[in-house]
Every structure is written in C-alpha cells, then in structure tokens.
Amino acid sequence: MKMKITPYVIALIILIAGLFFDRQIVSFLAVNRTDFIISIMNWFSFFGTWFIVLIIMTSLFLWQEHKRKWILPLWLSLGISFAVTYGLKLFIMRDRPAEALSNSLTSGFPSGHATAVFSGLAVLDKEFPRFKWFWLVFALIVVFSRLYLGMHYLTDVVVGMVIGYTTGLLITKYIEYQKSFMDF
C-alpha cells in the first residue's frame, strides 16, 4: 500500500514551526484583524463545520448515481476522524488562544474544523479529482479562518488536517485493497 508522503513532510515541517511560533502567529493575526476580513473568515469557518461538510460532500456524491457507493466511506472518514479528534480534545484539554473572538465549549487541540474539511479530501480525490483542488483551497481557507479568528494555534490545525486526511486516505486505500482482493 503506497501512501502519499509529500503532504506529511510538509505537515511535519509546519508542525515543527508551529511548536516554536504558535503564540507569535496568533498574536500577529490578532493585531492585524479587520472587520471586513473577520466577516469573511466567519463565513468560511461556518462552512467548515462537521455538519456542513457532511451535507456538501454527501450532496456531491449523490449527484452521480455510480459514485453513491463512496458515501459510506466518506461518512466513515468523517465519523472516525470526528471520534479521534474529540477523543484527543477530551484527553489533552489544550486551551484555546486568549485572542479567540468567540467562546467554544471544546478545547482547542486538535482543530475539529481542520479535521472535518480534510477528512473527505482523499475520498473526493478518488472519485472527483477535478474538484480536489477546489476543495483543497476551500479547506485551506477554512483552516486559515480558524487561525485568523484566534480559535486555534497552528499546531491545532495541522494535527487536525493530518487526522482528517489520513483517515480518509486509509479508508480509501482499504477499499481499493478489498476491491483488488475480490477481483481475483
């Protein structure tokens, strides 16, 4: 089973940078906020929630009948990554940055928004490769919105991205493996 290494190398580099500069990044963004960009980032942040991602992605797979078989893997990716993320949130209990623009009932590590928007990326890449780049840009904007709004540190969102993407990738690879095994 061949895994894509490049995204993980990039994530590791960013994660290491975040370990040293988490607080400085949040402070820099907080000082440079504008009301106009805050409203845009709130919009992206809203559309990066678990429920909205589930609706958007499921609708996309319902669009073409022969792609409906990937709805269950999509839901598994979202569900498993959700469980991992919220398990880690309960276990680690990392406070959110003091610069956060709103209150949250959950702890900050890892980012649930980052996990949600990245959990379907591998499944989307498998069945809708043309949309992958659109979704990747959207997902990165959602992740940035969480930083800009002060809801997370860089390490929170990077770990969320890795959890989401890895879950989707493992499920996709497993299904491909099962399919190739059944073809014999």
N, C-alpha and C. Protein backbone atom coordinates (compact mmCIF):
# COMPACT_ATOMS: atom_id res chain seq x y z
N MET A 1 0.85 -1.18 0.00
CA MET A 1 0.00 0.00 0.00
C MET A 1 0.89 1.23 0.00
N LYS A 2 0.86 1.97 -1.09
CA LYS A 2 1.69 3.16 -1.26
C LYS A 2 0.95 4.38 -0.72
N MET A 3 1.58 5.10 0.20
CA MET A 3 0.97 6.30 0.79
C MET A 3 1.64 7.53 0.18
N LYS A 4 0.93 8.62 0.18
CA LYS A 4 1.48 9.88 -0.31
C LYS A 4 2.29 10.52 0.82
N ILE A 5 3.59 10.65 0.61
CA ILE A 5 4.49 11.13 1.66
C ILE A 5 4.59 12.66 1.69
N THR A 6 4.57 13.30 0.55
CA THR A 6 4.80 14.74 0.47
C THR A 6 3.91 15.57 1.40
N PRO A 7 2.60 15.33 1.45
CA PRO A 7 1.78 16.13 2.38
C PRO A 7 2.22 15.96 3.84
N TYR A 8 2.70 14.78 4.18
CA TYR A 8 3.12 14.52 5.55
C TYR A 8 4.44 15.22 5.88
N VAL A 9 5.32 15.30 4.91
CA VAL A 9 6.58 16.02 5.11
C VAL A 9 6.29 17.50 5.30
N ILE A 10 5.42 18.04 4.46
CA ILE A 10 5.04 19.45 4.59
C ILE A 10 4.37 19.69 5.95
N ALA A 11 3.46 18.80 6.34
CA ALA A 11 2.78 18.95 7.63
C ALA A 11 3.77 18.89 8.78
N LEU A 12 4.75 18.01 8.70
CA LEU A 12 5.76 17.90 9.76
C LEU A 12 6.58 19.18 9.88
N ILE A 13 6.96 19.75 8.76
CA ILE A 13 7.74 20.99 8.77
C ILE A 13 6.91 22.12 9.39
N ILE A 14 5.64 22.23 8.98
CA ILE A 14 4.77 23.28 9.53
C ILE A 14 4.52 23.03 11.01
N LEU A 15 4.34 21.78 11.38
CA LEU A 15 4.12 21.43 12.79
C LEU A 15 5.31 21.83 13.65
N ILE A 16 6.51 21.56 13.17
CA ILE A 16 7.71 21.94 13.92
C ILE A 16 7.80 23.46 14.05
N ALA A 17 7.50 24.17 12.96
CA ALA A 17 7.49 25.64 13.02
C ALA A 17 6.46 26.12 14.03
N GLY A 18 5.29 25.46 14.03
CA GLY A 18 4.24 25.84 14.97
C GLY A 18 4.64 25.65 16.41
N LEU A 19 5.41 24.62 16.68
CA LEU A 19 5.87 24.38 18.05
C LEU A 19 6.67 25.57 18.59
N PHE A 20 7.39 26.24 17.71
CA PHE A 20 8.21 27.38 18.11
C PHE A 20 7.47 28.71 18.01
N PHE A 21 6.50 28.80 17.09
CA PHE A 21 5.90 30.11 16.79
C PHE A 21 4.38 30.17 16.95
N ASP A 22 3.77 29.19 17.62
CA ASP A 22 2.32 29.17 17.79
C ASP A 22 1.77 30.50 18.31
N ARG A 23 2.26 30.94 19.43
CA ARG A 23 1.73 32.15 20.07
C ARG A 23 2.02 33.41 19.25
N GLN A 24 3.18 33.47 18.63
CA GLN A 24 3.52 34.64 17.80
C GLN A 24 2.60 34.74 16.58
N ILE A 25 2.28 33.61 15.98
CA ILE A 25 1.40 33.62 14.81
C ILE A 25 0.01 34.11 15.20
N VAL A 26 -0.53 33.59 16.29
CA VAL A 26 -1.86 34.02 16.76
C VAL A 26 -1.85 35.50 17.10
N SER A 27 -0.82 35.95 17.78
CA SER A 27 -0.72 37.38 18.15
C SER A 27 -0.62 38.26 16.92
N PHE A 28 0.18 37.85 15.94
CA PHE A 28 0.33 38.62 14.71
C PHE A 28 -1.01 38.76 13.98
N LEU A 29 -1.72 37.66 13.86
CA LEU A 29 -3.01 37.69 13.17
C LEU A 29 -4.03 38.53 13.95
N ALA A 30 -4.01 38.44 15.28
CA ALA A 30 -4.95 39.21 16.10
C ALA A 30 -4.73 40.71 15.94
N VAL A 31 -3.49 41.12 15.89
CA VAL A 31 -3.17 42.54 15.75
C VAL A 31 -3.57 43.08 14.38
N ASN A 32 -3.57 42.20 13.38
CA ASN A 32 -3.83 42.63 12.00
C ASN A 32 -5.23 42.29 11.51
N ARG A 33 -6.17 42.06 12.40
CA ARG A 33 -7.54 41.76 12.01
C ARG A 33 -8.26 43.03 11.54
N THR A 34 -9.17 42.82 10.58
CA THR A 34 -10.06 43.90 10.16
C THR A 34 -11.49 43.35 10.21
N ASP A 35 -12.45 44.22 10.41
CA ASP A 35 -13.85 43.78 10.50
C ASP A 35 -14.31 43.08 9.22
N PHE A 36 -13.87 43.59 8.08
CA PHE A 36 -14.27 43.01 6.79
C PHE A 36 -13.75 41.58 6.66
N ILE A 37 -12.48 41.37 6.96
CA ILE A 37 -11.90 40.03 6.83
C ILE A 37 -12.45 39.11 7.91
N ILE A 38 -12.74 39.63 9.09
CA ILE A 38 -13.37 38.81 10.14
C ILE A 38 -14.70 38.25 9.64
N SER A 39 -15.50 39.08 8.96
CA SER A 39 -16.80 38.59 8.47
C SER A 39 -16.61 37.51 7.40
N ILE A 40 -15.62 37.66 6.54
CA ILE A 40 -15.34 36.64 5.53
C ILE A 40 -14.87 35.35 6.20
N MET A 41 -13.98 35.48 7.16
CA MET A 41 -13.45 34.29 7.85
C MET A 41 -14.52 33.59 8.67
N ASN A 42 -15.47 34.34 9.23
CA ASN A 42 -16.60 33.72 9.94
C ASN A 42 -17.43 32.88 8.99
N TRP A 43 -17.62 33.37 7.77
CA TRP A 43 -18.37 32.64 6.76
C TRP A 43 -17.67 31.32 6.43
N PHE A 44 -16.38 31.37 6.15
CA PHE A 44 -15.63 30.14 5.84
C PHE A 44 -15.61 29.19 7.03
N SER A 45 -15.47 29.74 8.21
CA SER A 45 -15.45 28.92 9.41
C SER A 45 -16.78 28.19 9.59
N PHE A 46 -17.89 28.87 9.31
CA PHE A 46 -19.21 28.24 9.39
C PHE A 46 -19.31 27.07 8.42
N PHE A 47 -18.84 27.26 7.18
CA PHE A 47 -18.95 26.21 6.18
C PHE A 47 -17.92 25.10 6.37
N GLY A 48 -17.06 25.22 7.35
CA GLY A 48 -16.09 24.18 7.65
C GLY A 48 -16.50 23.31 8.82
N THR A 49 -17.73 23.44 9.29
CA THR A 49 -18.18 22.61 10.42
C THR A 49 -18.49 21.20 9.93
N TRP A 50 -18.50 20.25 10.86
CA TRP A 50 -18.74 18.84 10.52
C TRP A 50 -20.04 18.66 9.75
N PHE A 51 -21.10 19.27 10.24
CA PHE A 51 -22.42 19.07 9.65
C PHE A 51 -22.47 19.62 8.22
N ILE A 52 -21.94 20.79 8.02
CA ILE A 52 -21.97 21.40 6.68
C ILE A 52 -21.11 20.60 5.71
N VAL A 53 -19.94 20.17 6.17
CA VAL A 53 -19.07 19.35 5.31
C VAL A 53 -19.80 18.06 4.93
N LEU A 54 -20.47 17.45 5.88
CA LEU A 54 -21.22 16.23 5.61
C LEU A 54 -22.29 16.48 4.55
N ILE A 55 -23.01 17.56 4.67
CA ILE A 55 -24.08 17.88 3.70
C ILE A 55 -23.49 18.16 2.32
N ILE A 56 -22.47 19.01 2.26
CA ILE A 56 -21.88 19.39 0.96
C ILE A 56 -21.30 18.17 0.26
N MET A 57 -20.49 17.41 0.97
CA MET A 57 -19.83 16.27 0.33
C MET A 57 -20.82 15.16 -0.02
N THR A 58 -21.77 14.87 0.85
CA THR A 58 -22.76 13.86 0.53
C THR A 58 -23.57 14.27 -0.69
N SER A 59 -23.93 15.52 -0.79
CA SER A 59 -24.68 16.02 -1.95
C SER A 59 -23.88 15.82 -3.23
N LEU A 60 -22.59 16.05 -3.16
CA LEU A 60 -21.73 15.88 -4.33
C LEU A 60 -21.74 14.41 -4.79
N PHE A 61 -21.65 13.48 -3.84
CA PHE A 61 -21.63 12.07 -4.20
C PHE A 61 -23.02 11.55 -4.61
N LEU A 62 -24.07 12.21 -4.16
CA LEU A 62 -25.42 11.84 -4.60
C LEU A 62 -25.71 12.32 -6.02
N TRP A 63 -24.94 13.26 -6.46
CA TRP A 63 -25.12 13.89 -7.76
C TRP A 63 -25.03 12.87 -8.90
N GLN A 64 -24.09 11.94 -8.80
CA GLN A 64 -23.93 10.91 -9.83
C GLN A 64 -24.16 9.54 -9.20
N GLU A 65 -25.07 8.80 -9.79
CA GLU A 65 -25.50 7.54 -9.19
C GLU A 65 -24.37 6.54 -8.96
N HIS A 66 -23.45 6.41 -9.90
CA HIS A 66 -22.37 5.43 -9.74
C HIS A 66 -21.33 5.83 -8.70
N LYS A 67 -21.42 7.03 -8.18
CA LYS A 67 -20.49 7.48 -7.15
C LYS A 67 -21.09 7.36 -5.74
N ARG A 68 -22.34 6.98 -5.67
CA ARG A 68 -23.01 6.87 -4.38
C ARG A 68 -22.39 5.82 -3.48
N LYS A 69 -21.69 4.86 -4.06
CA LYS A 69 -21.04 3.82 -3.26
C LYS A 69 -19.94 4.39 -2.37
N TRP A 70 -19.51 5.61 -2.64
CA TRP A 70 -18.45 6.24 -1.85
C TRP A 70 -19.01 7.09 -0.70
N ILE A 71 -20.32 7.14 -0.56
CA ILE A 71 -20.91 7.90 0.54
C ILE A 71 -20.57 7.26 1.88
N LEU A 72 -20.68 5.94 1.99
CA LEU A 72 -20.35 5.26 3.24
C LEU A 72 -18.87 5.48 3.62
N PRO A 73 -17.92 5.30 2.68
CA PRO A 73 -16.52 5.62 3.04
C PRO A 73 -16.33 7.08 3.47
N LEU A 74 -17.05 7.98 2.82
CA LEU A 74 -16.99 9.39 3.21
C LEU A 74 -17.48 9.56 4.63
N TRP A 75 -18.61 8.98 4.95
CA TRP A 75 -19.18 9.08 6.29
C TRP A 75 -18.27 8.41 7.31
N LEU A 76 -17.66 7.29 6.94
CA LEU A 76 -16.71 6.62 7.85
C LEU A 76 -15.52 7.53 8.12
N SER A 77 -15.02 8.16 7.08
CA SER A 77 -13.90 9.07 7.26
C SER A 77 -14.26 10.21 8.20
N LEU A 78 -15.41 10.82 7.97
CA LEU A 78 -15.86 11.89 8.85
C LEU A 78 -16.09 11.38 10.27
N GLY A 79 -16.75 10.24 10.40
CA GLY A 79 -17.08 9.71 11.73
C GLY A 79 -15.86 9.29 12.52
N ILE A 80 -14.96 8.56 11.89
CA ILE A 80 -13.76 8.10 12.60
C ILE A 80 -12.87 9.28 12.97
N SER A 81 -12.67 10.19 12.03
CA SER A 81 -11.82 11.35 12.34
C SER A 81 -12.47 12.23 13.41
N PHE A 82 -13.80 12.32 13.40
CA PHE A 82 -14.53 13.04 14.45
C PHE A 82 -14.25 12.41 15.81
N ALA A 83 -14.36 11.09 15.89
CA ALA A 83 -14.14 10.38 17.16
C ALA A 83 -12.71 10.57 17.64
N VAL A 84 -11.75 10.46 16.75
CA VAL A 84 -10.34 10.64 17.13
C VAL A 84 -10.10 12.06 17.62
N THR A 85 -10.61 13.02 16.87
CA THR A 85 -10.40 14.43 17.23
C THR A 85 -11.00 14.76 18.58
N TYR A 86 -12.24 14.38 18.80
CA TYR A 86 -12.88 14.74 20.06
C TYR A 86 -12.36 13.91 21.22
N GLY A 87 -11.88 12.71 20.95
CA GLY A 87 -11.19 11.94 21.99
C GLY A 87 -9.92 12.65 22.43
N LEU A 88 -9.16 13.14 21.45
CA LEU A 88 -7.94 13.89 21.77
C LEU A 88 -8.26 15.20 22.49
N LYS A 89 -9.32 15.88 22.07
CA LYS A 89 -9.72 17.12 22.74
C LYS A 89 -10.00 16.87 24.21
N LEU A 90 -10.73 15.79 24.50
CA LEU A 90 -11.06 15.46 25.89
C LEU A 90 -9.83 15.02 26.68
N PHE A 91 -8.92 14.36 26.03
CA PHE A 91 -7.73 13.85 26.71
C PHE A 91 -6.69 14.95 26.95
N ILE A 92 -6.46 15.79 25.95
CA ILE A 92 -5.38 16.80 26.03
C ILE A 92 -5.86 18.08 26.70
N MET A 93 -7.07 18.50 26.41
CA MET A 93 -7.67 19.70 27.03
C MET A 93 -6.80 20.96 26.88
N ARG A 94 -6.29 21.20 25.70
CA ARG A 94 -5.49 22.39 25.45
C ARG A 94 -6.39 23.61 25.33
N ASP A 95 -6.07 24.65 26.07
CA ASP A 95 -6.84 25.88 26.00
C ASP A 95 -6.72 26.51 24.62
N ARG A 96 -7.77 27.19 24.25
CA ARG A 96 -7.73 27.96 23.00
C ARG A 96 -6.94 29.25 23.25
N PRO A 97 -6.47 29.88 22.19
CA PRO A 97 -5.73 31.13 22.38
C PRO A 97 -6.57 32.20 23.08
N ALA A 98 -5.90 33.05 23.84
CA ALA A 98 -6.58 34.14 24.53
C ALA A 98 -7.17 35.14 23.53
N GLU A 99 -6.66 35.14 22.32
CA GLU A 99 -7.10 36.08 21.28
C GLU A 99 -8.36 35.62 20.55
N ALA A 100 -8.96 34.51 20.95
CA ALA A 100 -10.14 33.97 20.28
C ALA A 100 -11.27 35.00 20.29
N LEU A 101 -11.94 35.13 19.15
CA LEU A 101 -13.03 36.10 19.02
C LEU A 101 -14.36 35.58 19.56
N SER A 102 -14.44 34.29 19.82
CA SER A 102 -15.68 33.75 20.38
C SER A 102 -15.34 32.63 21.35
N ASN A 103 -16.31 32.27 22.16
CA ASN A 103 -16.13 31.19 23.12
C ASN A 103 -16.47 29.86 22.47
N SER A 104 -15.86 28.80 22.98
CA SER A 104 -16.16 27.46 22.49
C SER A 104 -16.32 26.53 23.67
N LEU A 105 -17.14 25.52 23.50
CA LEU A 105 -17.37 24.56 24.57
C LEU A 105 -16.31 23.47 24.60
N THR A 106 -15.50 23.37 23.54
CA THR A 106 -14.48 22.32 23.48
C THR A 106 -13.09 22.93 23.56
N SER A 107 -12.13 22.07 23.85
CA SER A 107 -10.74 22.53 23.88
C SER A 107 -10.23 22.69 22.45
N GLY A 108 -9.02 23.24 22.33
CA GLY A 108 -8.54 23.64 21.02
C GLY A 108 -7.78 22.59 20.23
N PHE A 109 -7.22 21.58 20.89
CA PHE A 109 -6.33 20.65 20.19
C PHE A 109 -6.97 19.29 20.07
N PRO A 110 -7.04 18.76 18.86
CA PRO A 110 -6.79 19.35 17.53
C PRO A 110 -8.02 20.08 17.02
N SER A 111 -7.86 20.76 15.91
CA SER A 111 -8.95 21.53 15.33
C SER A 111 -9.98 20.62 14.67
N GLY A 112 -11.21 20.70 15.14
CA GLY A 112 -12.29 19.93 14.54
C GLY A 112 -12.62 20.41 13.13
N HIS A 113 -12.55 21.71 12.91
CA HIS A 113 -12.82 22.24 11.57
C HIS A 113 -11.78 21.71 10.57
N ALA A 114 -10.51 21.76 10.96
CA ALA A 114 -9.46 21.28 10.06
C ALA A 114 -9.64 19.79 9.77
N THR A 115 -9.98 19.03 10.81
CA THR A 115 -10.20 17.60 10.62
C THR A 115 -11.37 17.37 9.67
N ALA A 116 -12.46 18.09 9.88
CA ALA A 116 -13.67 17.90 9.06
C ALA A 116 -13.40 18.19 7.59
N VAL A 117 -12.79 19.33 7.28
CA VAL A 117 -12.61 19.68 5.87
C VAL A 117 -11.57 18.81 5.18
N PHE A 118 -10.65 18.23 5.94
CA PHE A 118 -9.64 17.37 5.33
C PHE A 118 -10.02 15.89 5.33
N SER A 119 -11.04 15.51 6.09
CA SER A 119 -11.40 14.09 6.19
C SER A 119 -11.96 13.54 4.88
N GLY A 120 -12.60 14.35 4.10
CA GLY A 120 -13.17 13.88 2.84
C GLY A 120 -12.27 14.09 1.63
N LEU A 121 -11.12 14.70 1.82
CA LEU A 121 -10.26 15.05 0.69
C LEU A 121 -9.78 13.83 -0.09
N ALA A 122 -9.36 12.77 0.58
CA ALA A 122 -8.87 11.58 -0.12
C ALA A 122 -10.00 10.88 -0.88
N VAL A 123 -11.18 10.83 -0.28
CA VAL A 123 -12.33 10.21 -0.95
C VAL A 123 -12.73 11.06 -2.16
N LEU A 124 -12.72 12.35 -1.99
CA LEU A 124 -13.03 13.27 -3.09
C LEU A 124 -12.01 13.12 -4.21
N ASP A 125 -10.74 13.00 -3.86
CA ASP A 125 -9.68 12.83 -4.85
C ASP A 125 -9.89 11.55 -5.65
N LYS A 126 -10.39 10.53 -5.01
CA LYS A 126 -10.62 9.23 -5.67
C LYS A 126 -11.72 9.32 -6.72
N GLU A 127 -12.80 9.99 -6.41
CA GLU A 127 -13.97 9.99 -7.29
C GLU A 127 -14.19 11.29 -8.06
N PHE A 128 -13.71 12.40 -7.53
CA PHE A 128 -13.87 13.70 -8.20
C PHE A 128 -12.54 14.43 -8.23
N PRO A 129 -11.55 13.89 -8.95
CA PRO A 129 -10.22 14.52 -8.92
C PRO A 129 -10.21 15.98 -9.40
N ARG A 130 -11.16 16.34 -10.26
CA ARG A 130 -11.22 17.75 -10.71
C ARG A 130 -11.60 18.69 -9.58
N PHE A 131 -12.43 18.21 -8.66
CA PHE A 131 -12.88 19.04 -7.54
C PHE A 131 -11.88 19.06 -6.38
N LYS A 132 -10.91 18.16 -6.42
CA LYS A 132 -9.95 18.06 -5.31
C LYS A 132 -9.26 19.40 -5.06
N TRP A 133 -8.83 20.05 -6.11
CA TRP A 133 -8.09 21.31 -5.93
C TRP A 133 -8.98 22.42 -5.42
N PHE A 134 -10.22 22.46 -5.89
CA PHE A 134 -11.17 23.43 -5.36
C PHE A 134 -11.38 23.19 -3.87
N TRP A 135 -11.60 21.91 -3.50
CA TRP A 135 -11.84 21.58 -2.11
C TRP A 135 -10.60 21.84 -1.26
N LEU A 136 -9.42 21.55 -1.80
CA LEU A 136 -8.19 21.80 -1.06
C LEU A 136 -8.03 23.29 -0.75
N VAL A 137 -8.28 24.14 -1.72
CA VAL A 137 -8.21 25.59 -1.49
C VAL A 137 -9.25 26.01 -0.46
N PHE A 138 -10.47 25.52 -0.61
CA PHE A 138 -11.53 25.81 0.36
C PHE A 138 -11.10 25.36 1.76
N ALA A 139 -10.57 24.14 1.87
CA ALA A 139 -10.15 23.59 3.16
C ALA A 139 -9.04 24.44 3.78
N LEU A 140 -8.10 24.87 2.97
CA LEU A 140 -7.00 25.70 3.49
C LEU A 140 -7.52 27.06 3.97
N ILE A 141 -8.52 27.61 3.28
CA ILE A 141 -9.11 28.87 3.73
C ILE A 141 -9.85 28.66 5.05
N VAL A 142 -10.57 27.54 5.18
CA VAL A 142 -11.25 27.23 6.46
C VAL A 142 -10.23 27.15 7.57
N VAL A 143 -9.13 26.43 7.32
CA VAL A 143 -8.07 26.29 8.33
C VAL A 143 -7.50 27.66 8.69
N PHE A 144 -7.23 28.47 7.69
CA PHE A 144 -6.71 29.82 7.97
C PHE A 144 -7.73 30.64 8.75
N SER A 145 -9.01 30.46 8.45
CA SER A 145 -10.04 31.22 9.17
C SER A 145 -9.99 30.92 10.67
N ARG A 146 -9.72 29.67 11.02
CA ARG A 146 -9.64 29.29 12.43
C ARG A 146 -8.45 29.97 13.11
N LEU A 147 -7.36 30.12 12.36
CA LEU A 147 -6.20 30.84 12.89
C LEU A 147 -6.51 32.34 13.00
N TYR A 148 -7.08 32.88 11.95
CA TYR A 148 -7.35 34.32 11.89
C TYR A 148 -8.32 34.75 12.99
N LEU A 149 -9.31 33.91 13.25
CA LEU A 149 -10.29 34.23 14.29
C LEU A 149 -9.77 33.95 15.70
N GLY A 150 -8.55 33.44 15.78
CA GLY A 150 -7.92 33.18 17.07
C GLY A 150 -8.45 31.95 17.78
N MET A 151 -9.14 31.09 17.07
CA MET A 151 -9.73 29.91 17.69
C MET A 151 -8.74 28.77 17.89
N HIS A 152 -7.63 28.81 17.15
CA HIS A 152 -6.65 27.73 17.22
C HIS A 152 -5.24 28.25 17.02
N TYR A 153 -4.32 27.44 17.50
CA TYR A 153 -2.91 27.63 17.19
C TYR A 153 -2.60 26.86 15.91
N LEU A 154 -1.47 27.17 15.29
CA LEU A 154 -1.06 26.49 14.07
C LEU A 154 -0.96 24.98 14.29
N THR A 155 -0.41 24.55 15.40
CA THR A 155 -0.28 23.12 15.67
C THR A 155 -1.65 22.44 15.77
N ASP A 156 -2.64 23.13 16.28
CA ASP A 156 -4.00 22.57 16.37
C ASP A 156 -4.54 22.22 14.98
N VAL A 157 -4.39 23.16 14.05
CA VAL A 157 -4.96 22.95 12.73
C VAL A 157 -4.15 21.94 11.92
N VAL A 158 -2.83 21.94 12.07
CA VAL A 158 -2.01 20.99 11.33
C VAL A 158 -2.33 19.56 11.77
N VAL A 159 -2.43 19.33 13.06
CA VAL A 159 -2.77 17.98 13.54
C VAL A 159 -4.18 17.60 13.08
N GLY A 160 -5.11 18.53 13.10
CA GLY A 160 -6.46 18.25 12.59
C GLY A 160 -6.44 17.88 11.11
N MET A 161 -5.64 18.61 10.33
CA MET A 161 -5.52 18.30 8.90
C MET A 161 -4.98 16.89 8.70
N VAL A 162 -3.96 16.54 9.45
CA VAL A 162 -3.34 15.22 9.31
C VAL A 162 -4.31 14.12 9.73
N ILE A 163 -5.02 14.31 10.82
CA ILE A 163 -6.01 13.30 11.26
C ILE A 163 -7.07 13.10 10.19
N GLY A 164 -7.63 14.19 9.69
CA GLY A 164 -8.69 14.09 8.69
C GLY A 164 -8.21 13.44 7.40
N TYR A 165 -7.10 13.94 6.86
CA TYR A 165 -6.60 13.41 5.59
C TYR A 165 -6.18 11.95 5.72
N THR A 166 -5.48 11.62 6.79
CA THR A 166 -5.01 10.24 6.98
C THR A 166 -6.17 9.28 7.12
N THR A 167 -7.19 9.66 7.85
CA THR A 167 -8.36 8.80 8.00
C THR A 167 -9.00 8.52 6.65
N GLY A 168 -9.22 9.56 5.86
CA GLY A 168 -9.80 9.38 4.54
C GLY A 168 -8.91 8.56 3.62
N LEU A 169 -7.61 8.80 3.69
CA LEU A 169 -6.68 8.06 2.85
C LEU A 169 -6.65 6.58 3.22
N LEU A 170 -6.63 6.27 4.51
CA LEU A 170 -6.61 4.87 4.94
C LEU A 170 -7.89 4.14 4.53
N ILE A 171 -9.02 4.80 4.67
CA ILE A 171 -10.29 4.18 4.27
C ILE A 171 -10.31 3.95 2.77
N THR A 172 -9.87 4.93 2.00
CA THR A 172 -9.83 4.80 0.55
C THR A 172 -8.90 3.67 0.12
N LYS A 173 -7.72 3.60 0.71
CA LYS A 173 -6.75 2.54 0.39
C LYS A 173 -7.29 1.17 0.79
N TYR A 174 -7.96 1.10 1.91
CA TYR A 174 -8.54 -0.17 2.35
C TYR A 174 -9.58 -0.66 1.35
N ILE A 175 -10.43 0.23 0.90
CA ILE A 175 -11.47 -0.15 -0.06
C ILE A 175 -10.84 -0.59 -1.38
N GLU A 176 -9.81 0.12 -1.83
CA GLU A 176 -9.11 -0.27 -3.05
C GLU A 176 -8.47 -1.65 -2.88
N TYR A 177 -7.89 -1.90 -1.71
CA TYR A 177 -7.27 -3.19 -1.43
C TYR A 177 -8.33 -4.30 -1.45
N GLN A 178 -9.45 -4.07 -0.79
CA GLN A 178 -10.54 -5.05 -0.76
C GLN A 178 -11.05 -5.33 -2.17
N LYS A 179 -11.17 -4.28 -2.97
CA LYS A 179 -11.67 -4.44 -4.33
C LYS A 179 -10.69 -5.26 -5.16
N SER A 180 -9.40 -4.97 -5.05
CA SER A 180 -8.40 -5.74 -5.81
C SER A 180 -8.34 -7.18 -5.34
N PHE A 181 -8.55 -7.41 -4.05
CA PHE A 181 -8.56 -8.76 -3.49
C PHE A 181 -9.75 -9.54 -4.03
N MET A 182 -10.89 -8.89 -4.16
CA MET A 182 -12.11 -9.54 -4.63
C MET A 182 -12.08 -9.80 -6.13
N ASP A 183 -11.24 -9.06 -6.87
CA ASP A 183 -11.17 -9.22 -8.32
C ASP A 183 -10.46 -10.50 -8.73
N PHE A 184 -9.76 -11.16 -7.82
CA PHE A 184 -9.02 -12.38 -8.18
C PHE A 184 -9.94 -13.56 -8.33
